[in-house]
C-alpha atoms as a PDB file:
ATOM      1  CA  MET A   1     265.834 145.650 100.031  1.00  0.00           C
ATOM      2  CA  TYR A   2     263.474 145.859 102.967  1.00  0.00           C
ATOM      3  CA  LYS A   3     260.295 146.718 101.026  1.00  0.00           C
ATOM      4  CA  ASN A   4     258.011 146.430 104.032  1.00  0.00           C
ATOM      5  CA  LEU A   5     260.186 148.798 106.055  1.00  0.00           C
ATOM      6  CA  VAL A   6     260.255 151.322 103.211  1.00  0.00           C
ATOM      7  CA  GLY A   7     256.476 151.116 102.843  1.00  0.00           C
ATOM      8  CA  ILE A   8     255.858 151.566 106.554  1.00  0.00           C
ATOM      9  CA  LEU A   9     258.179 154.567 106.723  1.00  0.00           C
ATOM     10  CA  LYS A  10     256.353 156.146 103.773  1.00  0.00           C
ATOM     11  CA  ARG A  11     252.913 155.493 105.295  1.00  0.00           C
ATOM     12  CA  LYS A  12     254.048 157.058 108.554  1.00  0.00           C
ATOM     13  CA  GLY A  13     255.571 160.041 106.750  1.00  0.00           C
ATOM     14  CA  ILE A  14     259.055 159.302 108.092  1.00  0.00           C
ATOM     15  CA  THR A  15     261.934 160.289 105.823  1.00  0.00           C
ATOM     16  CA  ILE A  16     265.146 158.287 105.646  1.00  0.00           C
ATOM     17  CA  LYS A  17     266.902 161.299 107.177  1.00  0.00           C
ATOM     18  CA  ALA A  18     264.518 161.291 110.163  1.00  0.00           C
ATOM     19  CA  TYR A  19     264.780 157.504 110.472  1.00  0.00           C
ATOM     20  CA  ALA A  20     268.573 157.744 110.464  1.00  0.00           C
ATOM     21  CA  LYS A  21     268.454 160.368 113.212  1.00  0.00           C
ATOM     22  CA  LEU A  22     266.238 158.076 115.309  1.00  0.00           C
ATOM     23  CA  LEU A  23     268.764 155.256 114.876  1.00  0.00           C
ATOM     24  CA  GLY A  24     271.707 157.560 115.592  1.00  0.00           C
ATOM     25  CA  ILE A  25     273.407 156.899 112.254  1.00  0.00           C
ATOM     26  CA  SER A  26     274.070 158.866 109.076  1.00  0.00           C
ATOM     27  CA  GLU A  27     271.506 159.084 106.308  1.00  0.00           C
ATOM     28  CA  LYS A  28     273.879 157.163 104.010  1.00  0.00           C
ATOM     29  CA  SER A  29     274.218 154.375 106.604  1.00  0.00           C
ATOM     30  CA  ALA A  30     270.439 154.157 106.898  1.00  0.00           C
ATOM     31  CA  GLN A  31     270.121 153.896 103.113  1.00  0.00           C
ATOM     32  CA  ASN A  32     272.725 151.133 103.042  1.00  0.00           C
ATOM     33  CA  LYS A  33     270.811 149.198 105.683  1.00  0.00           C
ATOM     34  CA  ILE A  34     267.408 149.695 104.040  1.00  0.00           C
ATOM     35  CA  TYR A  35     268.782 148.509 100.706  1.00  0.00           C
ATOM     36  CA  ALA A  36     270.473 145.518 102.414  1.00  0.00           C
ATOM     37  CA  ARG A  37     274.006 146.612 101.582  1.00  0.00           C
ATOM     38  CA  THR A  38     274.878 146.465 105.280  1.00  0.00           C
ATOM     39  CA  GLU A  39     273.152 144.751 108.201  1.00  0.00           C
ATOM     40  CA  PHE A  40     271.037 146.274 110.937  1.00  0.00           C
ATOM     41  CA  THR A  41     272.333 145.878 114.477  1.00  0.00           C
ATOM     42  CA  LEU A  42     270.025 144.373 117.070  1.00  0.00           C
ATOM     43  CA  GLY A  43     269.724 147.773 118.737  1.00  0.00           C
ATOM     44  CA  GLU A  44     268.685 149.396 115.460  1.00  0.00           C
ATOM     45  CA  ALA A  45     266.115 146.675 114.834  1.00  0.00           C
ATOM     46  CA  LEU A  46     264.666 147.112 118.325  1.00  0.00           C
ATOM     47  CA  LYS A  47     264.451 150.904 117.899  1.00  0.00           C
ATOM     48  CA  THR A  48     262.698 150.342 114.580  1.00  0.00           C
ATOM     49  CA  CYS A  49     260.184 147.966 116.147  1.00  0.00           C
ATOM     50  CA  ALA A  50     259.524 150.456 118.969  1.00  0.00           C
ATOM     51  CA  LEU A  51     258.713 153.066 116.311  1.00  0.00           C
ATOM     52  CA  MET A  52     256.190 150.764 114.647  1.00  0.00           C
ATOM     53  CA  PRO A  53     254.775 148.498 117.387  1.00  0.00           C
ATOM     54  CA  GLU A  54     251.769 147.532 115.285  1.00  0.00           C
ATOM     55  CA  TYR A  55     254.054 145.419 113.061  1.00  0.00           C
ATOM     56  CA  LYS A  56     256.023 142.282 113.913  1.00  0.00           C
ATOM     57  CA  MET A  57     259.788 142.317 113.481  1.00  0.00           C
ATOM     58  CA  ASP A  58     259.752 139.498 110.923  1.00  0.00           C
ATOM     59  CA  TYR A  59     257.329 141.512 108.758  1.00  0.00           C
ATOM     60  CA  ILE A  60     259.314 144.746 108.998  1.00  0.00           C
ATOM     61  CA  PHE A  61     262.590 143.046 108.163  1.00  0.00           C
ATOM     62  CA  ALA A  62     261.397 140.586 105.498  1.00  0.00           C
ATOM     63  CA  ILE A  63     264.003 140.982 102.785  1.00  0.00           C
ATOM     64  CA  GLU A  64     263.300 140.933  99.084  1.00  0.00           C
ATOM     65  CA  GLU A  65     265.921 138.831  97.357  1.00  0.00           C
ATOM     66  CA  LYS A  66     267.281 139.959  94.013  1.00  0.00           C
ATOM     67  CA  VAL A  67     266.240 137.698  91.157  1.00  0.00           C
ATOM     68  CA  ALA A  68     268.954 137.137  88.565  1.00  0.00           C
END
């Protein structure tokens, strides 16, 4: 899961539905990407970074690994 991305979206008041629309994908696809079920494309990552220029890409997309 991309916890930093989720937190930033919440702080900015951006819903997953609105984020998905910005990326040009379905809400379900956006959820799958945010929860690391599928990968972001480079284009999607760049659009995300343009939306939140005050953050570095490696911070936004730092993934939280599941602990077994």
